[in-house]
Amino acid sequence: MYTSKIDTLLESIRKLLRRGAYPNAQRIIEKMRAADVAYLYRYLNEKEQFAVFKLIDDLDTAAEILSHVDTPTGANILTNLERERGAEILKAMDPDDEVGILEQISEEVREELLSFRSASDTERIEEVFLFPEDSAGRIMNTNFFALNEEITVSEAIRELQKKGEDSTEMVFYVYVVDDRNHLVGICSLRQLLMVPPSTRIHKVMTPDVVSVVPETDQEEVARLVERYDFLAVPVVDQENKMLGIVTVDDVIDVIRHEATEDIMKMVGTGDEYHSRSVLHRARMRMPWLLAAFIGGYIGIQFLKMFDATLEKIVALAYFLPIIIAMGGNIGITSMTIVVRGLATGKIAVQELRKAVLKELGVALLLGILYGAALMVLAYLQFGDVTYLGLVVGTSMLISMLMAAVIGTMMPIILHYLKFDPAVATGPFVTSTVDSLGILVYLGMATVVLMK
C-alpha cells in the first residue's frame, strides 16, 4: 500500500513540474520523508531531479536526500548547484556521506566547494582521501561518542543527553578511551543503565574491542558486522587511537555495492555500466564477447576434426547440444558459488581444497544421474544402437566433471594471482567447457564407435 502511495506522489509531482506549478510540488515534497524523496529520484530524469532538489529549502533535508540517493546522482546535483549552497549542504551531511559524494565529482568542482569550508574541515576531508578506495577509512564517520575511562556512569549519561540536544545523530555505543585517546573499551547504553550512577565506566566497559584500521577493505568490515551483529565498528590507527566508526547503514551500502559489482563483472561489465553511452557499453562488452566468439570458433574446429565420425553416425549430432548445455550449467554454477564464497568469506583460502572436492562430488553424482538418463533416452530414441548410449552417457559424466573443475579452479587461480575472482566470467568458463565437451564427446565416439 505504501509503495502505491509513493507511485501516486511520483505522478503528481511529475505533472506539477510539467505545468510549472512549483509551489504545489514544493508543498508535497515538504510533507514527504527525505528517504521517500530520494526513492523518487530513481524514476525522475536528470532535469526533474534537479528541479525537485531546488525546491528544498531546508539544509538538513537537502543533505539527507543527497545521503540517500545513489552517489552518481548526488554528485550530478551537487555539480550543478551554486557552489556556496553546495558547500552548505555538504557541511550538513555526515562526514562519511560527504566524502562518498565528493569522490564522485571532478577535482575542480571539489576544490571550489571546499574553498567555502574551514581549513580544519578541508584538512579532515583531504586526510580521508589519502586512504585507499573501498577501505574503512573512506567510509568511516568521524562523528563518534568517546568518553574518558575515569568518568562516572552518571557523567556519561549527562554527556549523552547533551549530545542528544546538540545533534540528531544516533549513538550506537560509548567508546571508552584513556588519557592519550587510545581505545580501551566499549559500552552499550544498556550497560550504563544497569549499574549505580557512581560507577566508573571502565568498571562496566567491555575491554575486548573488535576494531579495524583505516586501510582495512570495506568487505572485511562488512564481514565483521555480519559475524558479530555489530551496529558500528571502530576505526583506529596503528597506535589504537580512535579515528572514526563504520556504521551498519554504510555496511549495507557496501554489501549492495559489492554484490552489484561482482555480478556486473561476471557478465563482463562494471558498476558504472548503466551511466554509459551505447557506444561505451558496446566497447565494455566487446572483449568478453570476443572470448566467447574465439571459444565458439575453437569448438567449430573440433567439430571439423570429427567430420567423418558425424557423417557415419548422424545420431551423435542429436546429443551434442544437451551434453554442451549440461556442462556449461555445471561450470557456471560452480564458478558462481566459488566467486561469491571468496567475496563474502563463506569459503576461506585454507578451505579451497575442500570446496573443490565438494563441487566435484556434486558433479559426479549429477553426472551419473543425468548420464544414465541420457543412455536410456538414446536407447528409446534410436533403438538398439551398439555402444551409442554408453558414449553419450559417459561423455555427459566427463563433461560435467570437467566443467566443475574449470568453474571451480578458474576463480581460485585468479584469487591466488591477486586478481578479482569475479572476472572469471561466464564467457571464459562456458566457451572452455563447450570446446572441451565437444572434444571429449566426439573423441570418445570416434574411439568407441568407429573401430
Protein backbone atom coordinates (compact mmCIF):
# COMPACT_ATOMS: atom_id res chain seq x y z
CA MET A 1 0.00 0.00 0.00
CA TYR A 2 2.82 2.38 0.90
CA THR A 3 4.54 1.74 -2.44
CA SER A 4 1.37 2.62 -4.33
CA LYS A 5 1.17 5.85 -2.34
CA ILE A 6 4.72 6.76 -3.39
CA ASP A 7 3.87 5.96 -7.02
CA THR A 8 0.86 8.29 -6.82
CA LEU A 9 3.04 11.06 -5.39
CA LEU A 10 5.57 10.49 -8.18
CA GLU A 11 2.93 11.01 -10.86
CA SER A 12 1.57 14.09 -9.07
CA ILE A 13 5.00 15.70 -8.78
CA ARG A 14 5.78 14.98 -12.44
CA LYS A 15 2.54 16.58 -13.59
CA LEU A 16 3.12 19.66 -11.43
CA LEU A 17 6.68 20.03 -12.72
CA ARG A 18 5.47 19.80 -16.33
CA ARG A 19 2.89 22.53 -15.67
CA GLY A 20 5.44 24.70 -13.85
CA ALA A 21 3.36 24.57 -10.65
CA TYR A 22 6.47 24.56 -8.46
CA PRO A 23 4.84 25.88 -5.22
CA ASN A 24 2.35 23.00 -5.28
CA ALA A 25 5.11 20.47 -5.93
CA GLN A 26 7.13 22.01 -3.09
CA ARG A 27 4.26 21.58 -0.64
CA ILE A 28 4.02 17.87 -1.49
CA ILE A 29 7.77 17.36 -1.16
CA GLU A 30 7.96 19.16 2.19
CA LYS A 31 5.47 16.66 3.65
CA MET A 32 7.48 13.65 2.47
CA ARG A 33 10.32 11.87 4.24
CA ALA A 34 13.76 12.57 2.80
CA ALA A 35 14.25 8.84 2.10
CA ASP A 36 11.00 8.78 0.08
CA VAL A 37 12.04 11.82 -1.95
CA ALA A 38 15.35 10.06 -2.67
CA TYR A 39 13.39 6.97 -3.74
CA LEU A 40 11.53 9.07 -6.33
CA TYR A 41 14.86 10.03 -7.89
CA ARG A 42 15.17 6.52 -9.34
CA TYR A 43 12.29 7.33 -11.68
CA LEU A 44 12.91 11.01 -12.42
CA ASN A 45 15.05 12.16 -15.32
CA GLU A 46 18.03 14.43 -14.73
CA LYS A 47 16.08 17.63 -15.34
CA GLU A 48 13.27 16.59 -12.97
CA GLN A 49 15.76 15.55 -10.28
CA PHE A 50 17.44 18.95 -10.27
CA ALA A 51 14.09 20.79 -10.34
CA VAL A 52 12.88 18.83 -7.29
CA PHE A 53 16.11 19.45 -5.39
CA LYS A 54 15.92 23.22 -5.96
CA LEU A 55 12.52 23.22 -4.27
CA ILE A 56 14.07 22.03 -0.98
CA ASP A 57 14.96 24.97 1.26
CA ASP A 58 15.89 23.16 4.47
CA LEU A 59 19.61 22.34 4.57
CA ASP A 60 19.26 19.22 6.73
CA THR A 61 16.56 17.79 4.46
CA ALA A 62 18.66 18.51 1.35
CA ALA A 63 21.67 16.86 2.99
CA GLU A 64 19.64 13.79 3.95
CA ILE A 65 18.28 13.43 0.42
CA LEU A 66 21.80 13.58 -1.02
CA SER A 67 22.83 10.92 1.50
CA HIS A 68 20.06 8.58 0.32
CA VAL A 69 20.32 8.94 -3.47
CA ASP A 70 22.96 6.95 -5.34
CA THR A 71 26.30 8.76 -5.39
CA PRO A 72 26.44 9.47 -9.17
CA THR A 73 23.03 11.20 -8.94
CA GLY A 74 24.08 13.13 -5.84
CA ALA A 75 27.36 14.16 -7.47
CA ASN A 76 25.50 15.40 -10.57
CA ILE A 77 23.11 17.50 -8.46
CA LEU A 78 25.98 18.93 -6.40
CA THR A 79 27.96 19.79 -9.53
CA ASN A 80 25.05 21.82 -10.94
CA LEU A 81 24.24 23.69 -7.70
CA GLU A 82 25.64 27.09 -6.79
CA ARG A 83 28.96 26.38 -5.09
CA GLU A 84 28.18 28.16 -1.82
CA ARG A 85 24.84 26.38 -1.48
CA GLY A 86 26.51 23.05 -2.30
CA ALA A 87 29.18 23.65 0.35
CA GLU A 88 26.49 24.39 2.98
CA ILE A 89 24.64 21.17 2.15
CA LEU A 90 27.85 19.15 2.32
CA LYS A 91 28.61 20.56 5.75
CA ALA A 92 25.20 19.36 6.98
CA MET A 93 25.91 15.80 5.82
CA ASP A 94 27.57 13.07 7.89
CA PRO A 95 31.33 13.01 7.18
CA ASP A 96 31.21 9.56 5.53
CA ASP A 97 28.38 10.57 3.18
CA GLU A 98 30.17 13.84 2.44
CA VAL A 99 33.36 12.03 1.40
CA GLY A 100 31.39 9.49 -0.63
CA ILE A 101 29.79 12.18 -2.77
CA LEU A 102 32.95 14.31 -3.06
CA GLU A 103 34.93 11.42 -4.52
CA GLN A 104 32.39 11.18 -7.37
CA ILE A 105 32.79 14.77 -8.58
CA SER A 106 35.62 16.34 -10.56
CA GLU A 107 38.67 17.66 -8.73
CA GLU A 108 37.99 21.19 -9.98
CA VAL A 109 34.43 21.26 -8.56
CA ARG A 110 35.65 19.66 -5.33
CA GLU A 111 38.22 22.40 -4.81
CA GLU A 112 35.60 25.10 -5.48
CA LEU A 113 33.26 23.57 -2.91
CA LEU A 114 36.00 23.17 -0.30
CA SER A 115 37.01 26.81 -0.74
CA PHE A 116 33.86 27.71 1.23
CA ARG A 117 34.81 25.37 4.11
CA SER A 118 37.06 25.99 7.07
CA ALA A 119 40.72 24.98 6.96
CA SER A 120 40.11 22.22 9.55
CA ASP A 121 37.20 20.75 7.53
CA THR A 122 39.26 20.79 4.34
CA GLU A 123 42.21 19.14 6.09
CA ARG A 124 39.97 16.42 7.53
CA ILE A 125 38.46 15.65 4.13
CA GLU A 126 41.83 15.60 2.39
CA GLU A 127 43.20 13.21 5.02
CA VAL A 128 40.34 10.80 4.31
CA PHE A 129 41.16 10.87 0.59
CA LEU A 130 44.65 9.60 1.43
CA PHE A 131 43.17 6.23 2.43
CA PRO A 132 42.73 3.56 -0.28
CA GLU A 133 39.47 3.38 -2.20
CA ASP A 134 36.96 0.85 -0.83
CA SER A 135 38.66 0.95 2.57
CA ALA A 136 37.28 1.51 6.07
CA GLY A 137 38.97 4.93 6.13
CA ARG A 138 36.92 6.11 3.14
CA ILE A 139 33.54 5.15 4.59
CA MET A 140 34.11 5.89 8.30
CA ASN A 141 32.09 8.53 10.13
CA THR A 142 34.33 10.79 12.21
CA ASN A 143 31.40 11.74 14.46
CA PHE A 144 31.59 9.23 17.29
CA PHE A 145 30.91 9.33 21.02
CA ALA A 146 34.01 8.70 23.15
CA LEU A 147 34.50 9.29 26.87
CA ASN A 148 37.44 9.02 29.24
CA GLU A 149 37.61 5.79 31.22
CA GLU A 150 37.70 7.59 34.58
CA ILE A 151 34.32 9.38 34.38
CA THR A 152 31.30 8.00 36.19
CA VAL A 153 28.18 6.49 34.66
CA SER A 154 26.09 9.50 35.73
CA GLU A 155 28.55 11.85 33.98
CA ALA A 156 28.45 9.63 30.88
CA ILE A 157 24.64 9.79 30.79
CA ARG A 158 24.74 13.58 31.12
CA GLU A 159 27.17 13.75 28.21
CA LEU A 160 24.85 11.54 26.20
CA GLN A 161 21.90 13.80 26.95
CA LYS A 162 23.93 16.86 26.00
CA LYS A 163 24.93 15.25 22.73
CA GLY A 164 21.28 14.43 22.04
CA GLU A 165 20.37 18.10 22.44
CA ASP A 166 23.16 19.26 20.12
CA SER A 167 22.77 16.64 17.39
CA THR A 168 20.23 14.32 15.81
CA GLU A 169 22.97 11.72 15.29
CA MET A 170 22.22 8.29 16.72
CA VAL A 171 24.72 7.00 19.29
CA PHE A 172 25.25 3.24 18.90
CA TYR A 173 27.95 2.72 21.52
CA VAL A 174 30.01 4.71 24.01
CA TYR A 175 33.68 4.26 23.16
CA VAL A 176 35.98 4.40 26.17
CA VAL A 177 39.42 5.96 25.76
CA ASP A 178 42.36 6.68 28.05
CA ASP A 179 44.17 9.99 28.53
CA ARG A 180 46.04 9.52 25.24
CA ASN A 181 42.80 8.89 23.33
CA HIS A 182 43.65 5.20 22.93
CA LEU A 183 40.62 2.93 22.62
CA VAL A 184 40.44 0.74 25.73
CA GLY A 185 36.84 -0.45 25.78
CA ILE A 186 33.25 -0.13 24.69
CA CYS A 187 29.92 0.30 26.50
CA SER A 188 26.39 -0.25 25.30
CA LEU A 189 23.68 2.06 26.60
CA ARG A 190 22.19 -0.90 28.46
CA GLN A 191 25.44 -1.42 30.37
CA LEU A 192 25.36 2.19 31.55
CA LEU A 193 21.76 1.95 32.75
CA MET A 194 22.21 -1.30 34.69
CA VAL A 195 24.83 -0.10 37.23
CA PRO A 196 24.90 2.52 40.04
CA PRO A 197 25.46 6.11 38.79
CA SER A 198 28.73 6.49 40.73
CA THR A 199 30.40 3.57 38.91
CA ARG A 200 33.43 4.42 36.79
CA ILE A 201 32.76 3.41 33.19
CA HIS A 202 36.00 1.40 32.96
CA LYS A 203 34.39 -0.93 35.52
CA VAL A 204 31.45 -1.77 33.24
CA MET A 205 33.03 -1.49 29.78
CA THR A 206 33.86 -4.45 27.57
CA PRO A 207 37.66 -4.29 27.13
CA ASP A 208 37.86 -6.71 24.19
CA VAL A 209 37.01 -4.37 21.30
CA VAL A 210 36.87 -5.59 17.70
CA SER A 211 38.28 -2.75 15.60
CA VAL A 212 39.79 -2.16 12.16
CA VAL A 213 42.48 0.10 10.75
CA PRO A 214 41.65 2.66 8.03
CA GLU A 215 43.29 0.52 5.34
CA THR A 216 41.02 -2.47 6.03
CA ASP A 217 38.97 -3.41 2.97
CA GLN A 218 35.32 -2.43 3.30
CA GLU A 219 34.26 -6.02 2.52
CA GLU A 220 36.19 -7.23 5.56
CA VAL A 221 34.37 -4.63 7.69
CA ALA A 222 31.05 -5.94 6.33
CA ARG A 223 32.07 -9.49 7.28
CA LEU A 224 32.83 -8.38 10.85
CA VAL A 225 29.41 -6.70 11.15
CA GLU A 226 27.75 -9.86 9.85
CA ARG A 227 29.74 -12.15 12.15
CA TYR A 228 29.25 -10.20 15.38
CA ASP A 229 25.94 -8.39 14.66
CA PHE A 230 27.55 -5.01 15.33
CA LEU A 231 25.79 -1.71 14.79
CA ALA A 232 29.13 0.02 14.30
CA VAL A 233 32.82 -0.89 14.06
CA PRO A 234 35.50 1.48 15.43
CA VAL A 235 38.35 2.54 13.15
CA VAL A 236 41.70 3.06 14.88
CA ASP A 237 45.23 3.97 13.79
CA GLN A 238 48.38 1.93 14.44
CA GLU A 239 48.56 3.34 17.98
CA ASN A 240 44.94 2.33 18.67
CA LYS A 241 43.70 5.94 18.64
CA MET A 242 40.08 6.40 17.62
CA LEU A 243 39.63 7.87 14.12
CA GLY A 244 36.00 7.10 13.40
CA ILE A 245 33.32 4.41 13.11
CA VAL A 246 31.79 2.46 10.24
CA THR A 247 28.06 2.19 10.89
CA VAL A 248 25.67 -0.55 9.83
CA ASP A 249 23.91 1.65 7.23
CA ASP A 250 27.22 2.09 5.42
CA VAL A 251 27.85 -1.65 5.64
CA ILE A 252 24.51 -2.31 3.93
CA ASP A 253 25.57 0.06 1.15
CA VAL A 254 28.90 -1.79 0.87
CA ILE A 255 27.19 -5.18 0.61
CA ARG A 256 24.80 -3.93 -2.06
CA HIS A 257 27.60 -2.22 -3.98
CA GLU A 258 29.97 -5.19 -3.85
CA ALA A 259 27.26 -7.66 -4.84
CA THR A 260 26.26 -5.48 -7.79
CA GLU A 261 29.89 -5.00 -8.79
CA ASP A 262 30.61 -8.75 -8.71
CA ILE A 263 27.51 -9.59 -10.74
CA MET A 264 28.32 -6.92 -13.32
CA LYS A 265 31.91 -8.15 -13.60
CA MET A 266 30.74 -11.72 -14.09
CA VAL A 267 28.84 -10.63 -17.19
CA GLY A 268 31.74 -8.56 -18.48
CA THR A 269 30.66 -5.06 -17.42
CA GLY A 270 31.20 -2.76 -14.46
CA ASP A 271 29.20 -0.94 -11.82
CA GLU A 272 29.25 2.21 -13.95
CA TYR A 273 27.67 0.40 -16.92
CA HIS A 274 24.19 1.98 -16.55
CA SER A 275 25.56 5.52 -16.78
CA ARG A 276 27.49 4.92 -20.01
CA SER A 277 26.51 5.64 -23.63
CA VAL A 278 25.53 2.88 -26.08
CA LEU A 279 28.95 3.06 -27.77
CA HIS A 280 30.80 2.84 -24.45
CA ARG A 281 28.60 -0.08 -23.33
CA ALA A 282 29.41 -1.93 -26.55
CA ARG A 283 33.14 -1.32 -26.00
CA MET A 284 32.93 -2.65 -22.43
CA ARG A 285 31.25 -5.88 -23.50
CA MET A 286 33.29 -6.46 -26.67
CA PRO A 287 36.33 -8.17 -25.04
CA TRP A 288 34.16 -10.62 -23.13
CA LEU A 289 32.07 -11.48 -26.18
CA LEU A 290 35.33 -11.89 -28.09
CA ALA A 291 36.32 -14.59 -25.60
CA ALA A 292 33.04 -16.38 -26.29
CA PHE A 293 33.49 -15.89 -30.04
CA ILE A 294 37.00 -17.36 -30.02
CA GLY A 295 35.84 -20.24 -27.81
CA GLY A 296 33.00 -20.94 -30.24
CA TYR A 297 35.38 -20.90 -33.19
CA ILE A 298 37.67 -23.38 -31.44
CA GLY A 299 34.59 -25.58 -30.94
CA ILE A 300 33.93 -25.40 -34.71
CA GLN A 301 37.48 -26.60 -35.38
CA PHE A 302 36.96 -29.52 -33.01
CA LEU A 303 33.74 -30.41 -34.87
CA LYS A 304 35.61 -30.24 -38.16
CA MET A 305 38.17 -32.72 -36.82
CA PHE A 306 35.41 -35.28 -36.48
CA ASP A 307 33.63 -34.81 -39.83
CA ALA A 308 33.97 -38.47 -40.69
CA THR A 309 32.52 -39.61 -37.37
CA LEU A 310 29.49 -37.31 -37.66
CA GLU A 311 28.89 -38.30 -41.29
CA LYS A 312 28.92 -42.00 -40.42
CA ILE A 313 26.95 -41.76 -37.16
CA VAL A 314 24.47 -38.90 -37.59
CA ALA A 315 22.77 -39.75 -34.29
CA LEU A 316 25.75 -38.26 -32.43
CA ALA A 317 24.74 -34.75 -33.53
CA TYR A 318 21.38 -35.03 -31.74
CA PHE A 319 23.02 -35.38 -28.33
CA LEU A 320 25.70 -32.72 -28.74
CA PRO A 321 23.54 -29.73 -27.58
CA ILE A 322 22.42 -31.39 -24.34
CA ILE A 323 25.95 -32.50 -23.40
CA ILE A 324 27.31 -28.99 -24.00
CA ALA A 325 24.40 -27.32 -22.18
CA MET A 326 24.67 -29.51 -19.07
CA GLY A 327 28.43 -28.99 -18.85
CA GLY A 328 28.02 -25.22 -19.25
CA ASN A 329 25.40 -25.06 -16.50
CA ILE A 330 27.56 -27.00 -14.04
CA GLY A 331 30.55 -24.76 -14.86
CA ILE A 332 28.63 -21.51 -14.35
CA THR A 333 27.06 -22.76 -11.09
CA SER A 334 30.41 -23.88 -9.64
CA MET A 335 32.05 -20.60 -10.67
CA THR A 336 29.28 -18.50 -9.08
CA ILE A 337 29.42 -20.47 -5.80
CA VAL A 338 33.20 -20.08 -5.51
CA VAL A 339 33.27 -16.40 -6.54
CA ARG A 340 30.60 -15.43 -4.03
CA GLY A 341 32.13 -17.67 -1.37
CA LEU A 342 35.50 -15.95 -1.74
CA ALA A 343 33.90 -12.50 -1.82
CA THR A 344 31.75 -12.99 1.28
CA GLY A 345 34.22 -15.06 3.28
CA LYS A 346 31.99 -18.16 3.23
CA ILE A 347 34.90 -20.00 1.61
CA ALA A 348 38.22 -19.37 3.39
CA VAL A 349 41.52 -19.66 1.49
CA GLN A 350 42.56 -22.67 3.59
CA GLU A 351 39.29 -24.42 2.69
CA LEU A 352 39.65 -24.13 -1.09
CA ARG A 353 40.67 -27.78 -1.50
CA LYS A 354 37.57 -28.83 0.42
CA ALA A 355 35.39 -26.58 -1.76
CA VAL A 356 36.85 -28.08 -4.96
CA LEU A 357 36.28 -31.65 -3.75
CA LYS A 358 32.69 -30.84 -2.77
CA GLU A 359 31.91 -29.39 -6.20
CA LEU A 360 33.50 -32.44 -7.84
CA GLY A 361 31.36 -34.69 -5.65
CA VAL A 362 28.21 -32.83 -6.68
CA ALA A 363 29.20 -33.01 -10.36
CA LEU A 364 29.93 -36.74 -10.04
CA LEU A 365 26.52 -37.53 -8.55
CA LEU A 366 24.66 -35.36 -11.06
CA GLY A 367 26.78 -36.67 -13.94
CA ILE A 368 25.96 -40.29 -13.07
CA LEU A 369 22.25 -39.45 -12.74
CA TYR A 370 21.91 -37.50 -15.98
CA GLY A 371 24.37 -39.70 -17.85
CA ALA A 372 22.22 -42.73 -17.05
CA ALA A 373 19.09 -40.81 -18.08
CA LEU A 374 20.71 -39.91 -21.40
CA MET A 375 21.70 -43.55 -22.02
CA VAL A 376 18.05 -44.54 -21.58
CA LEU A 377 16.89 -41.75 -23.89
CA ALA A 378 19.46 -42.81 -26.52
CA TYR A 379 18.08 -46.35 -26.43
CA LEU A 380 14.44 -45.19 -26.61
CA GLN A 381 15.18 -42.73 -29.43
CA PHE A 382 17.35 -44.90 -31.68
CA GLY A 383 16.70 -48.44 -30.53
CA ASP A 384 19.47 -50.96 -30.10
CA VAL A 385 22.42 -48.92 -31.41
CA THR A 386 25.66 -50.55 -30.27
CA TYR A 387 27.59 -48.53 -27.67
CA LEU A 388 25.83 -45.22 -28.56
CA GLY A 389 24.15 -44.98 -25.15
CA LEU A 390 27.45 -45.77 -23.41
CA VAL A 391 29.25 -42.98 -25.32
CA VAL A 392 26.64 -40.27 -24.72
CA GLY A 393 26.16 -41.22 -21.05
CA THR A 394 29.88 -41.35 -20.28
CA SER A 395 30.52 -38.14 -22.21
CA MET A 396 27.83 -36.41 -20.15
CA LEU A 397 29.53 -37.54 -16.92
CA ILE A 398 33.02 -36.48 -18.03
CA SER A 399 31.77 -33.16 -19.40
CA MET A 400 30.07 -32.29 -16.12
CA LEU A 401 33.11 -33.28 -14.04
CA MET A 402 35.37 -31.24 -16.31
CA ALA A 403 33.03 -28.25 -16.10
CA ALA A 404 33.03 -28.41 -12.29
CA VAL A 405 36.84 -28.40 -12.25
CA ILE A 406 37.07 -25.44 -14.65
CA GLY A 407 34.28 -23.45 -12.96
CA THR A 408 35.81 -24.01 -9.53
CA MET A 409 39.50 -23.64 -10.34
CA MET A 410 39.37 -20.53 -12.55
CA PRO A 411 38.30 -18.10 -9.78
CA ILE A 412 40.66 -19.82 -7.30
CA ILE A 413 43.63 -19.39 -9.65
CA LEU A 414 42.73 -15.72 -10.16
CA HIS A 415 42.44 -15.34 -6.38
CA TYR A 416 45.96 -16.70 -5.88
CA LEU A 417 47.27 -14.43 -8.65
CA LYS A 418 45.79 -11.45 -6.73
CA PHE A 419 43.14 -10.75 -9.39
CA ASP A 420 39.47 -10.19 -8.60
CA PRO A 421 37.84 -13.65 -8.90
CA ALA A 422 34.68 -12.02 -10.26
CA VAL A 423 36.44 -11.52 -13.59
CA ALA A 424 36.32 -15.31 -14.09
CA THR A 425 33.22 -14.57 -16.13
CA GLY A 426 30.69 -16.74 -17.90
CA PRO A 427 32.14 -16.34 -21.42
CA PHE A 428 35.52 -17.78 -20.31
CA VAL A 429 34.02 -20.71 -18.46
CA THR A 430 31.30 -21.62 -20.94
CA SER A 431 33.49 -21.31 -24.03
CA THR A 432 36.19 -23.50 -22.44
CA VAL A 433 33.67 -26.08 -21.22
CA ASP A 434 31.86 -26.16 -24.58
CA SER A 435 35.05 -26.69 -26.59
CA LEU A 436 36.42 -29.40 -24.31
CA GLY A 437 32.98 -31.04 -24.12
CA ILE A 438 32.89 -31.36 -27.94
CA LEU A 439 36.43 -32.75 -27.94
CA VAL A 440 35.69 -35.38 -25.27
CA TYR A 441 32.33 -36.43 -26.73
CA LEU A 442 33.37 -36.82 -30.35
CA GLY A 443 36.80 -38.13 -29.42
CA MET A 444 35.24 -40.91 -27.39
CA ALA A 445 32.68 -41.61 -30.13
CA THR A 446 35.47 -41.94 -32.68
CA VAL A 447 37.45 -44.34 -30.49
CA VAL A 448 34.47 -46.49 -29.44
CA LEU A 449 32.10 -46.40 -32.42
CA MET A 450 34.43 -46.09 -35.41
CA LYS A 451 36.59 -49.14 -34.76
